[in-house]
Amino acid sequence: MDIKFFKKNARHVLLEVEVNPDQADKFEADYFEATKIRPVTGPHYQQQPNKWGAEYRIYFNCDIDLTDEFRKIDIHVEQAERLYREEWKYRVNNKDFFWALICAGYRLGQN
């Protein structure tokens, strides 16, 4: 997945994951394999028993419109009428995009 447009333009990026505890071992193994870092539960990695699977969230700000670039890779971007968590204007909920960012050097939490 080509994420060059994102790396070039997105700023104040935050990655978060919420997983069902039954899937935590797999997520942690995949994250460690990609980063050589063991994820620690906390504000950016949570185990939520009410989740059926996993939620991968990418929050970011950007000064230009990336709608066309995201459309080309078939990813929906949510734009907040009010800022997410009072800091971020945009949010993407997409597992593949999350992992593409991880492979490009982004990590859980603030980037």
N, C-alpha and C. Protein backbone atom coordinates (compact mmCIF):
# COMPACT_ATOMS: atom_id res chain seq x y z
N MET A 1 0.85 -1.18 0.00
CA MET A 1 0.00 0.00 0.00
C MET A 1 0.89 1.24 0.00
N ASP A 2 0.63 2.13 -0.92
CA ASP A 2 1.43 3.35 -1.04
C ASP A 2 0.91 4.40 -0.05
N ILE A 3 1.76 4.74 0.90
CA ILE A 3 1.37 5.72 1.92
C ILE A 3 2.26 6.97 1.87
N LYS A 4 2.99 7.13 0.78
CA LYS A 4 3.90 8.28 0.68
C LYS A 4 3.17 9.60 0.87
N PHE A 5 1.98 9.71 0.31
CA PHE A 5 1.21 10.95 0.44
C PHE A 5 0.92 11.26 1.90
N PHE A 6 0.69 10.22 2.70
CA PHE A 6 0.39 10.40 4.11
C PHE A 6 1.64 10.83 4.87
N LYS A 7 2.73 10.12 4.63
CA LYS A 7 3.98 10.45 5.31
C LYS A 7 4.42 11.88 5.02
N LYS A 8 4.17 12.32 3.79
CA LYS A 8 4.59 13.65 3.37
C LYS A 8 3.71 14.75 3.98
N ASN A 9 2.43 14.50 4.18
CA ASN A 9 1.49 15.56 4.53
C ASN A 9 0.86 15.49 5.92
N ALA A 10 0.74 14.30 6.47
CA ALA A 10 0.08 14.16 7.77
C ALA A 10 1.02 14.58 8.89
N ARG A 11 0.45 15.17 9.90
CA ARG A 11 1.24 15.57 11.06
C ARG A 11 0.46 15.25 12.32
N HIS A 12 1.17 15.21 13.42
CA HIS A 12 0.55 14.95 14.71
C HIS A 12 -0.27 13.65 14.64
N VAL A 13 0.40 12.57 14.23
CA VAL A 13 -0.25 11.28 13.99
C VAL A 13 -0.27 10.47 15.29
N LEU A 14 -1.41 9.85 15.55
CA LEU A 14 -1.58 8.98 16.72
C LEU A 14 -2.16 7.66 16.25
N LEU A 15 -1.55 6.55 16.67
CA LEU A 15 -2.08 5.23 16.36
C LEU A 15 -2.57 4.56 17.64
N GLU A 16 -3.76 3.97 17.53
CA GLU A 16 -4.37 3.27 18.65
C GLU A 16 -4.96 1.95 18.18
N VAL A 17 -5.03 1.00 19.12
CA VAL A 17 -5.66 -0.29 18.84
C VAL A 17 -6.46 -0.71 20.06
N GLU A 18 -7.66 -1.21 19.81
CA GLU A 18 -8.45 -1.88 20.83
C GLU A 18 -8.73 -3.27 20.32
N VAL A 19 -8.38 -4.29 21.12
CA VAL A 19 -8.58 -5.67 20.70
C VAL A 19 -9.33 -6.45 21.76
N ASN A 20 -10.03 -7.46 21.30
CA ASN A 20 -10.64 -8.40 22.21
C ASN A 20 -9.50 -9.19 22.86
N PRO A 21 -9.58 -9.45 24.17
CA PRO A 21 -8.48 -10.18 24.83
C PRO A 21 -8.14 -11.51 24.16
N ASP A 22 -9.12 -12.14 23.52
CA ASP A 22 -8.85 -13.40 22.83
C ASP A 22 -7.93 -13.23 21.63
N GLN A 23 -7.82 -12.01 21.12
CA GLN A 23 -6.97 -11.75 19.96
C GLN A 23 -5.70 -10.97 20.33
N ALA A 24 -5.52 -10.69 21.59
CA ALA A 24 -4.38 -9.88 22.03
C ALA A 24 -3.04 -10.55 21.72
N ASP A 25 -2.94 -11.87 21.95
CA ASP A 25 -1.67 -12.56 21.70
C ASP A 25 -1.27 -12.43 20.23
N LYS A 26 -2.22 -12.59 19.33
CA LYS A 26 -1.92 -12.47 17.90
C LYS A 26 -1.49 -11.05 17.56
N PHE A 27 -2.22 -10.06 18.05
CA PHE A 27 -1.83 -8.68 17.78
C PHE A 27 -0.43 -8.40 18.30
N GLU A 28 -0.17 -8.80 19.53
CA GLU A 28 1.14 -8.54 20.13
C GLU A 28 2.26 -9.23 19.36
N ALA A 29 2.02 -10.44 18.91
CA ALA A 29 3.04 -11.16 18.13
C ALA A 29 3.27 -10.46 16.78
N ASP A 30 2.18 -10.04 16.13
CA ASP A 30 2.32 -9.35 14.84
C ASP A 30 3.04 -8.01 15.01
N TYR A 31 2.70 -7.29 16.07
CA TYR A 31 3.34 -5.99 16.31
C TYR A 31 4.82 -6.18 16.61
N PHE A 32 5.14 -7.18 17.43
CA PHE A 32 6.54 -7.45 17.76
C PHE A 32 7.32 -7.86 16.51
N GLU A 33 6.71 -8.69 15.68
CA GLU A 33 7.38 -9.12 14.45
C GLU A 33 7.69 -7.93 13.55
N ALA A 34 6.77 -6.97 13.49
CA ALA A 34 6.95 -5.81 12.61
C ALA A 34 7.90 -4.77 13.19
N THR A 35 7.96 -4.66 14.53
CA THR A 35 8.68 -3.54 15.15
C THR A 35 9.82 -3.95 16.07
N LYS A 36 9.82 -5.19 16.50
CA LYS A 36 10.76 -5.68 17.53
C LYS A 36 10.52 -4.98 18.88
N ILE A 37 9.31 -4.48 19.05
CA ILE A 37 8.88 -3.83 20.30
C ILE A 37 7.64 -4.57 20.79
N ARG A 38 7.60 -4.88 22.07
CA ARG A 38 6.40 -5.51 22.64
C ARG A 38 5.41 -4.41 23.04
N PRO A 39 4.20 -4.47 22.52
CA PRO A 39 3.21 -3.45 22.90
C PRO A 39 2.78 -3.64 24.35
N VAL A 40 2.58 -2.54 25.02
CA VAL A 40 2.17 -2.54 26.42
C VAL A 40 0.78 -1.94 26.50
N THR A 41 -0.11 -2.63 27.23
CA THR A 41 -1.45 -2.07 27.36
C THR A 41 -1.38 -0.72 28.06
N GLY A 42 -2.23 0.16 27.63
CA GLY A 42 -2.27 1.52 28.14
C GLY A 42 -3.23 2.33 27.31
N PRO A 43 -3.04 3.63 27.24
CA PRO A 43 -4.01 4.45 26.53
C PRO A 43 -4.06 4.21 25.02
N HIS A 44 -2.99 3.67 24.42
CA HIS A 44 -2.98 3.50 22.97
C HIS A 44 -3.12 2.04 22.53
N TYR A 45 -3.06 1.14 23.49
CA TYR A 45 -3.30 -0.28 23.22
C TYR A 45 -4.15 -0.81 24.36
N GLN A 46 -5.38 -1.12 24.02
CA GLN A 46 -6.32 -1.57 25.05
C GLN A 46 -6.92 -2.91 24.67
N GLN A 47 -7.14 -3.73 25.67
CA GLN A 47 -7.88 -4.97 25.49
C GLN A 47 -9.29 -4.72 26.00
N GLN A 48 -10.25 -4.87 25.10
CA GLN A 48 -11.64 -4.57 25.40
C GLN A 48 -12.49 -5.83 25.17
N PRO A 49 -13.02 -6.42 26.24
CA PRO A 49 -13.81 -7.64 26.06
C PRO A 49 -15.09 -7.43 25.26
N ASN A 50 -15.56 -6.20 25.14
CA ASN A 50 -16.79 -5.94 24.37
C ASN A 50 -16.54 -5.83 22.88
N LYS A 51 -15.30 -5.93 22.44
CA LYS A 51 -14.96 -5.89 21.01
C LYS A 51 -15.07 -7.29 20.43
N TRP A 52 -15.62 -7.42 19.24
CA TRP A 52 -15.69 -8.74 18.59
C TRP A 52 -14.36 -9.07 17.93
N GLY A 53 -13.59 -8.07 17.62
CA GLY A 53 -12.30 -8.28 16.97
C GLY A 53 -11.32 -7.22 17.42
N ALA A 54 -10.91 -6.39 16.47
CA ALA A 54 -9.96 -5.32 16.78
C ALA A 54 -10.37 -4.06 16.04
N GLU A 55 -10.07 -2.93 16.65
CA GLU A 55 -10.28 -1.63 16.03
C GLU A 55 -8.94 -0.95 15.91
N TYR A 56 -8.59 -0.60 14.70
CA TYR A 56 -7.32 0.07 14.42
C TYR A 56 -7.64 1.50 14.04
N ARG A 57 -7.14 2.46 14.80
CA ARG A 57 -7.44 3.87 14.56
C ARG A 57 -6.18 4.67 14.31
N ILE A 58 -6.29 5.54 13.32
CA ILE A 58 -5.22 6.47 13.01
C ILE A 58 -5.82 7.87 13.07
N TYR A 59 -5.34 8.68 13.99
CA TYR A 59 -5.77 10.07 14.10
C TYR A 59 -4.65 10.94 13.52
N PHE A 60 -5.04 12.00 12.85
CA PHE A 60 -4.00 12.88 12.30
C PHE A 60 -4.57 14.24 11.96
N ASN A 61 -3.67 15.16 11.76
CA ASN A 61 -4.00 16.49 11.25
C ASN A 61 -3.28 16.66 9.93
N CYS A 62 -3.80 17.55 9.10
CA CYS A 62 -3.21 17.78 7.80
C CYS A 62 -3.67 19.14 7.30
N ASP A 63 -2.79 19.85 6.64
CA ASP A 63 -3.13 21.18 6.14
C ASP A 63 -3.71 21.17 4.73
N ILE A 64 -3.64 20.01 4.06
CA ILE A 64 -4.21 19.93 2.71
C ILE A 64 -5.23 18.79 2.67
N ASP A 65 -6.08 18.81 1.66
CA ASP A 65 -7.12 17.80 1.49
C ASP A 65 -6.51 16.55 0.85
N LEU A 66 -6.58 15.43 1.57
CA LEU A 66 -6.04 14.16 1.07
C LEU A 66 -7.15 13.22 0.60
N THR A 67 -8.34 13.73 0.40
CA THR A 67 -9.48 12.91 0.04
C THR A 67 -9.20 12.06 -1.19
N ASP A 68 -8.68 12.66 -2.24
CA ASP A 68 -8.42 11.92 -3.48
C ASP A 68 -7.40 10.81 -3.27
N GLU A 69 -6.36 11.09 -2.52
CA GLU A 69 -5.33 10.09 -2.27
C GLU A 69 -5.89 8.89 -1.49
N PHE A 70 -6.72 9.18 -0.48
CA PHE A 70 -7.32 8.09 0.28
C PHE A 70 -8.33 7.33 -0.57
N ARG A 71 -9.07 8.02 -1.41
CA ARG A 71 -10.04 7.37 -2.28
C ARG A 71 -9.33 6.39 -3.22
N LYS A 72 -8.16 6.76 -3.70
CA LYS A 72 -7.41 5.88 -4.61
C LYS A 72 -7.04 4.55 -3.97
N ILE A 73 -6.86 4.55 -2.65
CA ILE A 73 -6.53 3.30 -1.96
C ILE A 73 -7.74 2.75 -1.21
N ASP A 74 -8.92 3.29 -1.55
CA ASP A 74 -10.21 2.80 -1.04
C ASP A 74 -10.29 2.83 0.49
N ILE A 75 -9.88 3.96 1.06
CA ILE A 75 -9.94 4.13 2.51
C ILE A 75 -10.79 5.35 2.83
N HIS A 76 -11.73 5.13 3.73
CA HIS A 76 -12.61 6.21 4.18
C HIS A 76 -11.93 6.99 5.30
N VAL A 77 -12.02 8.30 5.22
CA VAL A 77 -11.46 9.18 6.25
C VAL A 77 -12.62 9.92 6.89
N GLU A 78 -12.69 9.85 8.20
CA GLU A 78 -13.70 10.61 8.94
C GLU A 78 -13.12 11.97 9.27
N GLN A 79 -13.94 12.98 9.07
CA GLN A 79 -13.53 14.34 9.42
C GLN A 79 -14.47 14.83 10.50
N ALA A 80 -13.89 15.23 11.59
CA ALA A 80 -14.69 15.66 12.73
C ALA A 80 -15.22 17.07 12.54
N GLU A 81 -16.50 17.24 12.87
CA GLU A 81 -17.03 18.60 12.93
C GLU A 81 -16.39 19.33 14.10
N ARG A 82 -16.17 18.58 15.16
CA ARG A 82 -15.35 19.09 16.25
C ARG A 82 -14.18 18.12 16.34
N LEU A 83 -13.09 18.56 16.82
CA LEU A 83 -11.89 17.75 16.80
C LEU A 83 -12.03 16.48 17.63
N TYR A 84 -11.44 15.38 17.13
CA TYR A 84 -11.38 14.15 17.91
C TYR A 84 -10.45 14.41 19.09
N ARG A 85 -10.94 14.09 20.25
CA ARG A 85 -10.13 14.26 21.46
C ARG A 85 -9.54 15.66 21.54
N GLU A 86 -10.21 16.62 20.97
CA GLU A 86 -9.81 18.02 21.02
C GLU A 86 -8.48 18.32 20.34
N GLU A 87 -7.93 17.35 19.61
CA GLU A 87 -6.62 17.57 18.99
C GLU A 87 -6.56 17.21 17.51
N TRP A 88 -7.32 16.20 17.08
CA TRP A 88 -7.18 15.69 15.72
C TRP A 88 -8.40 15.98 14.88
N LYS A 89 -8.15 16.36 13.65
CA LYS A 89 -9.23 16.68 12.73
C LYS A 89 -9.72 15.44 11.97
N TYR A 90 -8.84 14.47 11.73
CA TYR A 90 -9.17 13.32 10.90
C TYR A 90 -8.94 12.00 11.64
N ARG A 91 -9.74 11.00 11.22
CA ARG A 91 -9.55 9.65 11.77
C ARG A 91 -9.79 8.63 10.67
N VAL A 92 -8.93 7.63 10.64
CA VAL A 92 -9.07 6.49 9.74
C VAL A 92 -9.20 5.25 10.62
N ASN A 93 -10.17 4.41 10.30
CA ASN A 93 -10.34 3.12 10.98
C ASN A 93 -10.07 2.05 9.94
N ASN A 94 -8.82 1.61 9.83
CA ASN A 94 -8.49 0.66 8.79
C ASN A 94 -7.27 -0.16 9.19
N LYS A 95 -7.45 -1.45 9.28
CA LYS A 95 -6.39 -2.36 9.70
C LYS A 95 -5.21 -2.35 8.72
N ASP A 96 -5.48 -2.44 7.43
CA ASP A 96 -4.40 -2.50 6.45
C ASP A 96 -3.58 -1.21 6.44
N PHE A 97 -4.26 -0.07 6.55
CA PHE A 97 -3.54 1.20 6.57
C PHE A 97 -2.71 1.31 7.85
N PHE A 98 -3.27 0.87 8.98
CA PHE A 98 -2.53 0.85 10.24
C PHE A 98 -1.23 0.06 10.08
N TRP A 99 -1.34 -1.16 9.53
CA TRP A 99 -0.14 -1.99 9.40
C TRP A 99 0.84 -1.43 8.38
N ALA A 100 0.34 -0.76 7.35
CA ALA A 100 1.25 -0.10 6.39
C ALA A 100 2.04 0.99 7.09
N LEU A 101 1.38 1.72 7.98
CA LEU A 101 2.08 2.76 8.74
C LEU A 101 3.11 2.15 9.69
N ILE A 102 2.74 1.07 10.35
CA ILE A 102 3.68 0.38 11.24
C ILE A 102 4.91 -0.06 10.44
N CYS A 103 4.71 -0.64 9.28
CA CYS A 103 5.83 -1.09 8.46
C CYS A 103 6.67 0.08 7.96
N ALA A 104 6.08 1.27 7.90
CA ALA A 104 6.80 2.47 7.45
C ALA A 104 7.50 3.19 8.60
N GLY A 105 7.39 2.64 9.82
CA GLY A 105 8.11 3.23 10.95
C GLY A 105 7.25 3.93 11.99
N TYR A 106 5.96 4.03 11.77
CA TYR A 106 5.08 4.59 12.79
C TYR A 106 4.89 3.57 13.90
N ARG A 107 4.54 4.03 15.09
CA ARG A 107 4.36 3.15 16.24
C ARG A 107 3.09 3.54 17.00
N LEU A 108 2.64 2.65 17.86
CA LEU A 108 1.50 2.95 18.71
C LEU A 108 1.78 4.24 19.48
N GLY A 109 0.76 5.03 19.67
CA GLY A 109 0.91 6.30 20.39
C GLY A 109 1.21 7.44 19.44
N GLN A 110 1.80 8.49 19.98
CA GLN A 110 2.13 9.70 19.22
C GLN A 110 3.31 9.45 18.27
N ASN A 111 3.19 9.96 17.08
CA ASN A 111 4.26 9.87 16.09
C ASN A 111 4.56 11.26 15.55
